[in-house]
Amino acid sequence: MLLRSRLVNSAVAFALACLVMITLHELAHAAVALLQGNSPTLGAFSVDPHATTDGERIATALGGPLFSLVSGVVVLTLPTSRLPAFWGLAVLWFGLLSVQEFSGYLITGPFAGVGDIGQALELSNAPAYVGWIGFVVGWAITYVVGRIAVRRLITFTDSDTALAPQLRELGLFAWLTGVVIVLILSLGLFDGGGDGPFEALGLIASGIFLIFVRLFMTEGMRSSGAPVRFGVPAVGMVALIVVALARQILFR
């Protein structure tokens, strides 16, 4: 029962953090376009900057990933030990997902202008090796994010219970369940054109850093803090629904 409670809390926190992260990411694109004097069209998963030059398009494309990187790093440095368990998880997921948003775009950079960084590389006629360097750096960041995820998620576990199943509930299963929740709450918002599948795939891969969790688990590793008690995340569920409804109303 306790494992299920962890899963519910972490999955809802993941979904809420993911939707907030995506919304702020797109708003960052729009803000860069506005600062350049353009009138962007803001969507749920994309922004049309209505830019007039390649330079403006490049700046707008890079604005989202760079904002995600900076905001994610900042959030991961914040002290969250005094927060209730659910909100501690939500803040953690936001930081992890934001940094991964940046590294994910580095990973897709070399592939035919796919994603924000890929578009910027294509518009700037960057040499192919630049994209492949970004690809390697992106995976390196993803590896580091996986290590951070393990260290932070362990603080939400109970030292009297086996660690592996707890981390699966807090991490892997929460990612998969959270993605399903986000996909359902985002129905009707995906681009009906060619970018729709990429947007959905980006959501599915948002927690890809969790594939490295097993690498960082060591024998005898246990939580060093007091057992974390999880209740029903009623406020978190309400917040998730409010954010999802706001996105449906604003972006349809």
C-alpha atoms as a PDB file:
ATOM      1  CA  MET A   1       0.000   0.000   0.000  1.00  0.00           C
ATOM      2  CA  LEU A   2       2.860   2.359   0.851  1.00  0.00           C
ATOM      3  CA  LEU A   3       4.519   1.665  -2.505  1.00  0.00           C
ATOM      4  CA  ARG A   4       1.267   2.513  -4.285  1.00  0.00           C
ATOM      5  CA  SER A   5       1.062   5.740  -2.336  1.00  0.00           C
ATOM      6  CA  ARG A   6       4.566   6.617  -3.454  1.00  0.00           C
ATOM      7  CA  LEU A   7       3.651   5.821  -7.046  1.00  0.00           C
ATOM      8  CA  VAL A   8       0.485   7.947  -6.976  1.00  0.00           C
ATOM      9  CA  ASN A   9       2.273  10.903  -5.405  1.00  0.00           C
ATOM     10  CA  SER A  10       5.265  10.719  -7.713  1.00  0.00           C
ATOM     11  CA  ALA A  11       3.199  10.160 -10.873  1.00  0.00           C
ATOM     12  CA  VAL A  12       0.895  13.107 -10.163  1.00  0.00           C
ATOM     13  CA  ALA A  13       3.895  15.259  -9.229  1.00  0.00           C
ATOM     14  CA  PHE A  14       5.625  14.218 -12.460  1.00  0.00           C
ATOM     15  CA  ALA A  15       2.567  15.100 -14.573  1.00  0.00           C
ATOM     16  CA  LEU A  16       2.113  18.477 -12.872  1.00  0.00           C
ATOM     17  CA  ALA A  17       5.799  19.367 -13.161  1.00  0.00           C
ATOM     18  CA  CYS A  18       5.877  18.250 -16.785  1.00  0.00           C
ATOM     19  CA  LEU A  19       2.922  20.426 -17.818  1.00  0.00           C
ATOM     20  CA  VAL A  20       4.294  23.456 -15.961  1.00  0.00           C
ATOM     21  CA  MET A  21       7.751  22.924 -17.472  1.00  0.00           C
ATOM     22  CA  ILE A  22       6.376  22.662 -21.013  1.00  0.00           C
ATOM     23  CA  THR A  23       4.208  25.761 -20.584  1.00  0.00           C
ATOM     24  CA  LEU A  24       7.120  27.845 -19.270  1.00  0.00           C
ATOM     25  CA  HIS A  25       9.358  26.517 -22.046  1.00  0.00           C
ATOM     26  CA  GLU A  26       6.932  27.689 -24.720  1.00  0.00           C
ATOM     27  CA  LEU A  27       6.403  31.003 -22.952  1.00  0.00           C
ATOM     28  CA  ALA A  28      10.176  31.515 -23.061  1.00  0.00           C
ATOM     29  CA  HIS A  29      10.110  31.045 -26.837  1.00  0.00           C
ATOM     30  CA  ALA A  30       7.304  33.579 -27.074  1.00  0.00           C
ATOM     31  CA  ALA A  31       9.072  36.051 -24.781  1.00  0.00           C
ATOM     32  CA  VAL A  32      12.187  36.012 -26.991  1.00  0.00           C
ATOM     33  CA  ALA A  33      10.027  36.613 -30.063  1.00  0.00           C
ATOM     34  CA  LEU A  34       8.258  39.518 -28.334  1.00  0.00           C
ATOM     35  CA  LEU A  35      11.581  41.065 -27.297  1.00  0.00           C
ATOM     36  CA  GLN A  36      12.538  41.079 -30.975  1.00  0.00           C
ATOM     37  CA  GLY A  37       9.389  42.997 -31.873  1.00  0.00           C
ATOM     38  CA  ASN A  38       7.512  40.043 -33.365  1.00  0.00           C
ATOM     39  CA  SER A  39       3.967  38.838 -32.637  1.00  0.00           C
ATOM     40  CA  PRO A  40       4.308  35.114 -31.822  1.00  0.00           C
ATOM     41  CA  THR A  41       1.475  32.605 -31.908  1.00  0.00           C
ATOM     42  CA  LEU A  42       1.725  30.508 -28.755  1.00  0.00           C
ATOM     43  CA  GLY A  43       0.684  26.871 -28.841  1.00  0.00           C
ATOM     44  CA  ALA A  44       0.620  24.127 -26.227  1.00  0.00           C
ATOM     45  CA  PHE A  45       3.808  22.512 -27.546  1.00  0.00           C
ATOM     46  CA  SER A  46       5.170  24.995 -30.071  1.00  0.00           C
ATOM     47  CA  VAL A  47       5.451  28.677 -30.930  1.00  0.00           C
ATOM     48  CA  ASP A  48       5.288  30.357 -34.320  1.00  0.00           C
ATOM     49  CA  PRO A  49       7.452  33.451 -33.818  1.00  0.00           C
ATOM     50  CA  HIS A  50       6.415  35.121 -37.091  1.00  0.00           C
ATOM     51  CA  ALA A  51      10.082  36.113 -37.369  1.00  0.00           C
ATOM     52  CA  THR A  52      11.357  37.956 -40.413  1.00  0.00           C
ATOM     53  CA  THR A  53      15.016  36.859 -40.348  1.00  0.00           C
ATOM     54  CA  ASP A  54      16.919  33.655 -39.690  1.00  0.00           C
ATOM     55  CA  GLY A  55      18.684  35.358 -36.798  1.00  0.00           C
ATOM     56  CA  GLU A  56      15.372  36.025 -35.092  1.00  0.00           C
ATOM     57  CA  ARG A  57      14.254  32.440 -35.708  1.00  0.00           C
ATOM     58  CA  ILE A  58      17.490  31.072 -34.247  1.00  0.00           C
ATOM     59  CA  ALA A  59      17.219  33.256 -31.138  1.00  0.00           C
ATOM     60  CA  THR A  60      13.586  32.241 -30.614  1.00  0.00           C
ATOM     61  CA  ALA A  61      14.374  28.543 -31.102  1.00  0.00           C
ATOM     62  CA  LEU A  62      17.212  28.636 -28.562  1.00  0.00           C
ATOM     63  CA  GLY A  63      15.275  30.693 -26.008  1.00  0.00           C
ATOM     64  CA  GLY A  64      13.162  27.760 -24.833  1.00  0.00           C
ATOM     65  CA  PRO A  65      15.933  25.180 -24.244  1.00  0.00           C
ATOM     66  CA  LEU A  66      18.237  27.726 -22.591  1.00  0.00           C
ATOM     67  CA  PHE A  67      15.454  28.855 -20.267  1.00  0.00           C
ATOM     68  CA  SER A  68      14.708  25.220 -19.394  1.00  0.00           C
ATOM     69  CA  LEU A  69      18.375  24.566 -18.600  1.00  0.00           C
ATOM     70  CA  VAL A  70      18.774  27.630 -16.383  1.00  0.00           C
ATOM     71  CA  SER A  71      15.446  27.187 -14.579  1.00  0.00           C
ATOM     72  CA  GLY A  72      16.122  23.489 -14.031  1.00  0.00           C
ATOM     73  CA  VAL A  73      19.586  24.057 -12.577  1.00  0.00           C
ATOM     74  CA  VAL A  74      18.275  26.826 -10.313  1.00  0.00           C
ATOM     75  CA  VAL A  75      15.380  24.703  -9.038  1.00  0.00           C
ATOM     76  CA  LEU A  76      17.650  21.720  -8.357  1.00  0.00           C
ATOM     77  CA  THR A  77      19.756  23.914  -6.062  1.00  0.00           C
ATOM     78  CA  LEU A  78      16.770  24.960  -3.952  1.00  0.00           C
ATOM     79  CA  PRO A  79      16.358  23.419  -0.476  1.00  0.00           C
ATOM     80  CA  THR A  80      13.208  21.287  -0.463  1.00  0.00           C
ATOM     81  CA  SER A  81      13.636  19.194   2.688  1.00  0.00           C
ATOM     82  CA  ARG A  82      10.969  21.167   4.571  1.00  0.00           C
ATOM     83  CA  LEU A  83       8.351  20.791   1.852  1.00  0.00           C
ATOM     84  CA  PRO A  84       5.578  18.191   2.127  1.00  0.00           C
ATOM     85  CA  ALA A  85       6.520  15.003   0.292  1.00  0.00           C
ATOM     86  CA  PHE A  86       4.314  15.642  -2.742  1.00  0.00           C
ATOM     87  CA  TRP A  87       5.574  19.174  -3.329  1.00  0.00           C
ATOM     88  CA  GLY A  88       9.150  18.081  -2.762  1.00  0.00           C
ATOM     89  CA  LEU A  89       8.667  15.540  -5.543  1.00  0.00           C
ATOM     90  CA  ALA A  90       6.975  18.123  -7.790  1.00  0.00           C
ATOM     91  CA  VAL A  91       9.873  20.560  -7.400  1.00  0.00           C
ATOM     92  CA  LEU A  92      12.398  17.770  -7.962  1.00  0.00           C
ATOM     93  CA  TRP A  93      10.623  16.566 -11.100  1.00  0.00           C
ATOM     94  CA  PHE A  94      10.422  20.113 -12.452  1.00  0.00           C
ATOM     95  CA  GLY A  95      14.170  20.585 -12.038  1.00  0.00           C
ATOM     96  CA  LEU A  96      15.056  17.207 -13.541  1.00  0.00           C
ATOM     97  CA  LEU A  97      12.631  17.511 -16.461  1.00  0.00           C
ATOM     98  CA  SER A  98      13.736  21.059 -17.261  1.00  0.00           C
ATOM     99  CA  VAL A  99      17.413  20.113 -17.533  1.00  0.00           C
ATOM    100  CA  GLN A 100      16.449  17.017 -19.522  1.00  0.00           C
ATOM    101  CA  GLU A 101      14.411  19.200 -21.889  1.00  0.00           C
ATOM    102  CA  PHE A 102      17.633  20.989 -22.803  1.00  0.00           C
ATOM    103  CA  SER A 103      19.703  17.814 -23.129  1.00  0.00           C
ATOM    104  CA  GLY A 104      16.945  16.141 -25.137  1.00  0.00           C
ATOM    105  CA  TYR A 105      17.114  18.901 -27.732  1.00  0.00           C
ATOM    106  CA  LEU A 106      20.893  18.488 -27.884  1.00  0.00           C
ATOM    107  CA  ILE A 107      20.400  14.773 -28.551  1.00  0.00           C
ATOM    108  CA  THR A 108      17.965  15.412 -31.428  1.00  0.00           C
ATOM    109  CA  GLY A 109      20.095  18.265 -32.804  1.00  0.00           C
ATOM    110  CA  PRO A 110      21.879  16.343 -35.589  1.00  0.00           C
ATOM    111  CA  PHE A 111      18.691  14.918 -37.073  1.00  0.00           C
ATOM    112  CA  ALA A 112      17.399  17.027 -39.973  1.00  0.00           C
ATOM    113  CA  GLY A 113      16.345  20.121 -38.089  1.00  0.00           C
ATOM    114  CA  VAL A 114      14.256  18.214 -35.541  1.00  0.00           C
ATOM    115  CA  GLY A 115      13.546  20.137 -32.332  1.00  0.00           C
ATOM    116  CA  ASP A 116      14.567  23.582 -31.171  1.00  0.00           C
ATOM    117  CA  ILE A 117      18.340  23.130 -31.245  1.00  0.00           C
ATOM    118  CA  GLY A 118      18.153  21.148 -34.479  1.00  0.00           C
ATOM    119  CA  GLN A 119      16.246  23.993 -36.110  1.00  0.00           C
ATOM    120  CA  ALA A 120      18.805  26.529 -34.861  1.00  0.00           C
ATOM    121  CA  LEU A 121      21.666  24.420 -36.255  1.00  0.00           C
ATOM    122  CA  GLU A 122      19.913  24.064 -39.592  1.00  0.00           C
ATOM    123  CA  LEU A 123      19.103  27.778 -39.870  1.00  0.00           C
ATOM    124  CA  SER A 124      22.667  28.749 -39.000  1.00  0.00           C
ATOM    125  CA  ASN A 125      24.131  26.225 -41.475  1.00  0.00           C
ATOM    126  CA  ALA A 126      26.279  24.815 -38.692  1.00  0.00           C
ATOM    127  CA  PRO A 127      28.712  22.030 -39.661  1.00  0.00           C
ATOM    128  CA  ALA A 128      27.423  18.521 -39.023  1.00  0.00           C
ATOM    129  CA  TYR A 129      30.054  17.872 -36.349  1.00  0.00           C
ATOM    130  CA  VAL A 130      28.556  20.633 -34.171  1.00  0.00           C
ATOM    131  CA  GLY A 131      25.306  18.705 -33.957  1.00  0.00           C
ATOM    132  CA  TRP A 132      27.116  15.457 -33.129  1.00  0.00           C
ATOM    133  CA  ILE A 133      29.151  17.143 -30.399  1.00  0.00           C
ATOM    134  CA  GLY A 134      25.840  18.360 -28.968  1.00  0.00           C
ATOM    135  CA  PHE A 135      24.510  14.800 -29.252  1.00  0.00           C
ATOM    136  CA  VAL A 136      27.352  13.477 -27.077  1.00  0.00           C
ATOM    137  CA  VAL A 137      27.027  16.357 -24.597  1.00  0.00           C
ATOM    138  CA  GLY A 138      23.274  15.759 -24.425  1.00  0.00           C
ATOM    139  CA  TRP A 139      23.744  12.120 -23.433  1.00  0.00           C
ATOM    140  CA  ALA A 140      26.403  13.124 -20.911  1.00  0.00           C
ATOM    141  CA  ILE A 141      23.969  15.565 -19.293  1.00  0.00           C
ATOM    142  CA  THR A 142      21.253  12.897 -19.326  1.00  0.00           C
ATOM    143  CA  TYR A 143      23.646  10.551 -17.517  1.00  0.00           C
ATOM    144  CA  VAL A 144      24.362  13.193 -14.867  1.00  0.00           C
ATOM    145  CA  VAL A 145      20.648  13.946 -14.468  1.00  0.00           C
ATOM    146  CA  GLY A 146      20.077  10.232 -13.859  1.00  0.00           C
ATOM    147  CA  ARG A 147      22.660  10.285 -11.081  1.00  0.00           C
ATOM    148  CA  ILE A 148      21.056  13.343  -9.497  1.00  0.00           C
ATOM    149  CA  ALA A 149      17.632  11.700  -9.767  1.00  0.00           C
ATOM    150  CA  VAL A 150      18.811   8.634  -7.830  1.00  0.00           C
ATOM    151  CA  ARG A 151      20.403  10.687  -5.059  1.00  0.00           C
ATOM    152  CA  ARG A 152      17.328  12.866  -4.665  1.00  0.00           C
ATOM    153  CA  LEU A 153      14.683  10.138  -5.006  1.00  0.00           C
ATOM    154  CA  ILE A 154      16.400   8.090  -2.302  1.00  0.00           C
ATOM    155  CA  THR A 155      15.485  10.822   0.192  1.00  0.00           C
ATOM    156  CA  PHE A 156      11.821   9.888  -0.371  1.00  0.00           C
ATOM    157  CA  THR A 157      12.360   6.214   0.495  1.00  0.00           C
ATOM    158  CA  ASP A 158      12.059   4.245   3.729  1.00  0.00           C
ATOM    159  CA  SER A 159      15.321   2.782   5.038  1.00  0.00           C
ATOM    160  CA  ASP A 160      13.457  -0.217   6.470  1.00  0.00           C
ATOM    161  CA  THR A 161      12.205  -1.326   3.042  1.00  0.00           C
ATOM    162  CA  ALA A 162      14.140  -2.676   0.054  1.00  0.00           C
ATOM    163  CA  LEU A 163      15.370   0.242  -2.033  1.00  0.00           C
ATOM    164  CA  ALA A 164      14.898  -1.080  -5.571  1.00  0.00           C
ATOM    165  CA  PRO A 165      11.079  -1.410  -5.527  1.00  0.00           C
ATOM    166  CA  GLN A 166      10.753   1.996  -3.884  1.00  0.00           C
ATOM    167  CA  LEU A 167      12.870   3.650  -6.568  1.00  0.00           C
ATOM    168  CA  ARG A 168      10.887   1.894  -9.276  1.00  0.00           C
ATOM    169  CA  GLU A 169       7.661   3.312  -7.845  1.00  0.00           C
ATOM    170  CA  LEU A 170       9.113   6.792  -7.353  1.00  0.00           C
ATOM    171  CA  GLY A 171      11.028   6.846 -10.631  1.00  0.00           C
ATOM    172  CA  LEU A 172      10.421   4.466 -13.536  1.00  0.00           C
ATOM    173  CA  PHE A 173       6.748   3.676 -12.870  1.00  0.00           C
ATOM    174  CA  ALA A 174       5.982   7.299 -11.961  1.00  0.00           C
ATOM    175  CA  TRP A 175       7.544   8.421 -15.262  1.00  0.00           C
ATOM    176  CA  LEU A 176       5.514   5.963 -17.333  1.00  0.00           C
ATOM    177  CA  THR A 177       2.279   6.658 -15.453  1.00  0.00           C
ATOM    178  CA  GLY A 178       2.883  10.419 -15.448  1.00  0.00           C
ATOM    179  CA  VAL A 179       3.440  10.432 -19.207  1.00  0.00           C
ATOM    180  CA  VAL A 180       0.134   8.647 -19.764  1.00  0.00           C
ATOM    181  CA  ILE A 181      -1.600  11.246 -17.573  1.00  0.00           C
ATOM    182  CA  VAL A 182      -0.002  14.131 -19.507  1.00  0.00           C
ATOM    183  CA  LEU A 183      -0.887  12.593 -22.872  1.00  0.00           C
ATOM    184  CA  ILE A 184      -4.514  12.164 -21.837  1.00  0.00           C
ATOM    185  CA  LEU A 185      -4.762  15.691 -20.421  1.00  0.00           C
ATOM    186  CA  SER A 186      -3.178  17.084 -23.600  1.00  0.00           C
ATOM    187  CA  LEU A 187      -5.518  15.425 -26.100  1.00  0.00           C
ATOM    188  CA  GLY A 188      -6.508  17.904 -28.780  1.00  0.00           C
ATOM    189  CA  LEU A 189      -3.486  20.131 -28.186  1.00  0.00           C
ATOM    190  CA  PHE A 190      -0.905  18.351 -30.308  1.00  0.00           C
ATOM    191  CA  ASP A 191       0.060  19.808 -33.661  1.00  0.00           C
ATOM    192  CA  GLY A 192      -2.147  18.269 -36.320  1.00  0.00           C
ATOM    193  CA  GLY A 193       0.702  18.538 -38.815  1.00  0.00           C
ATOM    194  CA  GLY A 194       4.059  16.805 -38.996  1.00  0.00           C
ATOM    195  CA  ASP A 195       5.252  17.982 -35.569  1.00  0.00           C
ATOM    196  CA  GLY A 196       2.538  16.160 -33.620  1.00  0.00           C
ATOM    197  CA  PRO A 197       4.356  12.791 -33.388  1.00  0.00           C
ATOM    198  CA  PHE A 198       7.600  14.531 -32.366  1.00  0.00           C
ATOM    199  CA  GLU A 199       5.755  16.428 -29.624  1.00  0.00           C
ATOM    200  CA  ALA A 200       4.239  13.187 -28.281  1.00  0.00           C
ATOM    201  CA  LEU A 201       7.570  11.361 -28.528  1.00  0.00           C
ATOM    202  CA  GLY A 202       9.235  14.200 -26.623  1.00  0.00           C
ATOM    203  CA  LEU A 203       6.743  13.713 -23.793  1.00  0.00           C
ATOM    204  CA  ILE A 204       7.303   9.975 -23.708  1.00  0.00           C
ATOM    205  CA  ALA A 205      11.086  10.437 -23.574  1.00  0.00           C
ATOM    206  CA  SER A 206      10.965  13.194 -20.949  1.00  0.00           C
ATOM    207  CA  GLY A 207      12.123  10.865 -18.170  1.00  0.00           C
ATOM    208  CA  ILE A 208      14.707   8.981 -20.236  1.00  0.00           C
ATOM    209  CA  PHE A 209      17.388   9.767 -17.649  1.00  0.00           C
ATOM    210  CA  LEU A 210      15.738   7.170 -15.397  1.00  0.00           C
ATOM    211  CA  ILE A 211      17.212   4.380 -17.526  1.00  0.00           C
ATOM    212  CA  PHE A 212      20.492   5.102 -15.713  1.00  0.00           C
ATOM    213  CA  VAL A 213      19.036   4.645 -12.223  1.00  0.00           C
ATOM    214  CA  ARG A 214      20.245   1.065 -11.892  1.00  0.00           C
ATOM    215  CA  LEU A 215      23.823   2.141 -12.649  1.00  0.00           C
ATOM    216  CA  PHE A 216      23.925   4.406  -9.616  1.00  0.00           C
ATOM    217  CA  MET A 217      22.368   2.022  -7.128  1.00  0.00           C
ATOM    218  CA  THR A 218      24.993   0.421  -4.935  1.00  0.00           C
ATOM    219  CA  GLU A 219      24.624  -2.570  -2.648  1.00  0.00           C
ATOM    220  CA  GLY A 220      23.633  -1.512   0.825  1.00  0.00           C
ATOM    221  CA  MET A 221      22.442   1.897  -0.312  1.00  0.00           C
ATOM    222  CA  ARG A 222      19.637   3.122   1.950  1.00  0.00           C
ATOM    223  CA  SER A 223      17.804   6.296   2.779  1.00  0.00           C
ATOM    224  CA  SER A 224      19.528   8.175   5.589  1.00  0.00           C
ATOM    225  CA  GLY A 225      16.543  10.246   6.683  1.00  0.00           C
ATOM    226  CA  ALA A 226      13.323   9.591   8.551  1.00  0.00           C
ATOM    227  CA  PRO A 227      10.633   7.594   6.708  1.00  0.00           C
ATOM    228  CA  VAL A 228       8.584   9.790   4.360  1.00  0.00           C
ATOM    229  CA  ARG A 229       4.826   9.549   4.815  1.00  0.00           C
ATOM    230  CA  PHE A 230       2.671   9.894   1.739  1.00  0.00           C
ATOM    231  CA  GLY A 231      -1.019  10.698   1.810  1.00  0.00           C
ATOM    232  CA  VAL A 232      -3.503  11.240  -0.997  1.00  0.00           C
ATOM    233  CA  PRO A 233      -2.154  14.212  -3.024  1.00  0.00           C
ATOM    234  CA  ALA A 234      -5.559  15.902  -3.257  1.00  0.00           C
ATOM    235  CA  VAL A 235      -4.194  19.442  -3.631  1.00  0.00           C
ATOM    236  CA  GLY A 236      -1.679  18.239  -6.191  1.00  0.00           C
ATOM    237  CA  MET A 237      -4.431  16.540  -8.196  1.00  0.00           C
ATOM    238  CA  VAL A 238      -6.497  19.721  -8.159  1.00  0.00           C
ATOM    239  CA  ALA A 239      -3.471  21.747  -9.259  1.00  0.00           C
ATOM    240  CA  LEU A 240      -2.835  19.269 -12.080  1.00  0.00           C
ATOM    241  CA  ILE A 241      -6.425  19.532 -13.329  1.00  0.00           C
ATOM    242  CA  VAL A 242      -6.355  23.343 -13.111  1.00  0.00           C
ATOM    243  CA  VAL A 243      -3.137  23.547 -15.137  1.00  0.00           C
ATOM    244  CA  ALA A 244      -4.457  21.063 -17.704  1.00  0.00           C
ATOM    245  CA  LEU A 245      -7.764  22.917 -18.083  1.00  0.00           C
ATOM    246  CA  ALA A 246      -5.958  26.245 -18.402  1.00  0.00           C
ATOM    247  CA  ARG A 247      -3.838  24.806 -21.214  1.00  0.00           C
ATOM    248  CA  GLN A 248      -6.916  23.429 -22.957  1.00  0.00           C
ATOM    249  CA  ILE A 249      -8.693  26.796 -22.728  1.00  0.00           C
ATOM    250  CA  LEU A 250      -5.724  28.947 -23.734  1.00  0.00           C
ATOM    251  CA  PHE A 251      -4.176  26.798 -26.447  1.00  0.00           C
ATOM    252  CA  ARG A 252      -7.060  25.175 -28.267  1.00  0.00           C
END
